[in-house]
């Protein structure tokens, strides 16, 4: 599932949000993603830049 820049531009409420979203367009940034057709929505878990918690 890919989301185009055009879709992001339509959904972004302002330029700052659009600039932040552009950095997250790569599918590799979203290791978990899915869609709920019945709810007309998509969801995802974005991979951040932090190192995470050691186990």
Protein backbone atom coordinates (compact mmCIF):
# COMPACT_ATOMS: atom_id res chain seq x y z
CA UNK A 1 0.00 0.00 0.00
CA UNK A 2 1.53 3.29 -1.08
CA UNK A 3 0.26 6.77 -0.35
CA UNK A 4 1.10 9.38 -2.95
CA UNK A 5 2.33 12.89 -2.25
CA UNK A 6 -0.88 14.20 -3.82
CA UNK A 7 -3.00 12.39 -1.22
CA UNK A 8 -0.82 13.73 1.59
CA UNK A 9 -1.13 17.26 0.21
CA UNK A 10 -4.91 16.98 0.20
CA UNK A 11 -4.99 15.77 3.81
CA UNK A 12 -2.36 18.03 5.41
CA UNK A 13 -3.93 20.85 7.43
CA UNK A 14 -0.96 23.21 6.96
CA UNK A 15 2.50 23.52 5.41
CA UNK A 16 4.34 22.43 8.56
CA UNK A 17 2.34 19.20 8.67
CA UNK A 18 2.96 18.62 4.98
CA UNK A 19 6.71 19.10 5.42
CA UNK A 20 6.75 16.60 8.30
CA UNK A 21 4.65 14.10 6.34
CA UNK A 22 6.93 14.23 3.28
CA UNK A 23 9.69 12.69 5.41
CA UNK A 24 7.44 9.70 6.13
CA UNK A 25 6.34 8.80 2.60
CA UNK A 26 8.77 5.89 2.25
CA UNK A 27 7.07 2.52 2.92
CA UNK A 28 10.14 1.43 4.92
CA UNK A 29 9.19 4.02 7.57
CA UNK A 30 5.95 2.06 8.17
CA UNK A 31 6.81 -1.52 9.22
CA UNK A 32 3.20 -2.14 10.30
CA UNK A 33 0.35 -0.83 8.18
CA UNK A 34 -3.11 -1.83 7.15
CA UNK A 35 -6.49 -0.65 6.04
CA UNK A 36 -10.02 -0.99 7.32
CA UNK A 37 -12.19 -0.82 4.23
CA UNK A 38 -15.41 -0.90 6.25
CA UNK A 39 -14.26 2.22 8.13
CA UNK A 40 -12.71 3.89 5.07
CA UNK A 41 -9.40 4.37 6.87
CA UNK A 42 -5.79 3.30 6.88
CA UNK A 43 -3.49 2.90 9.86
CA UNK A 44 0.18 2.40 10.48
CA UNK A 45 2.92 2.28 13.02
CA UNK A 46 5.70 4.64 12.02
CA UNK A 47 9.33 3.82 12.65
CA UNK A 48 10.89 6.76 14.47
CA UNK A 49 14.48 7.90 14.58
CA UNK A 50 15.05 6.90 18.21
CA UNK A 51 16.97 3.84 19.27
CA UNK A 52 14.11 2.43 21.28
CA UNK A 53 14.24 0.73 24.64
CA UNK A 54 16.89 -1.90 25.41
CA UNK A 55 15.50 -5.26 26.45
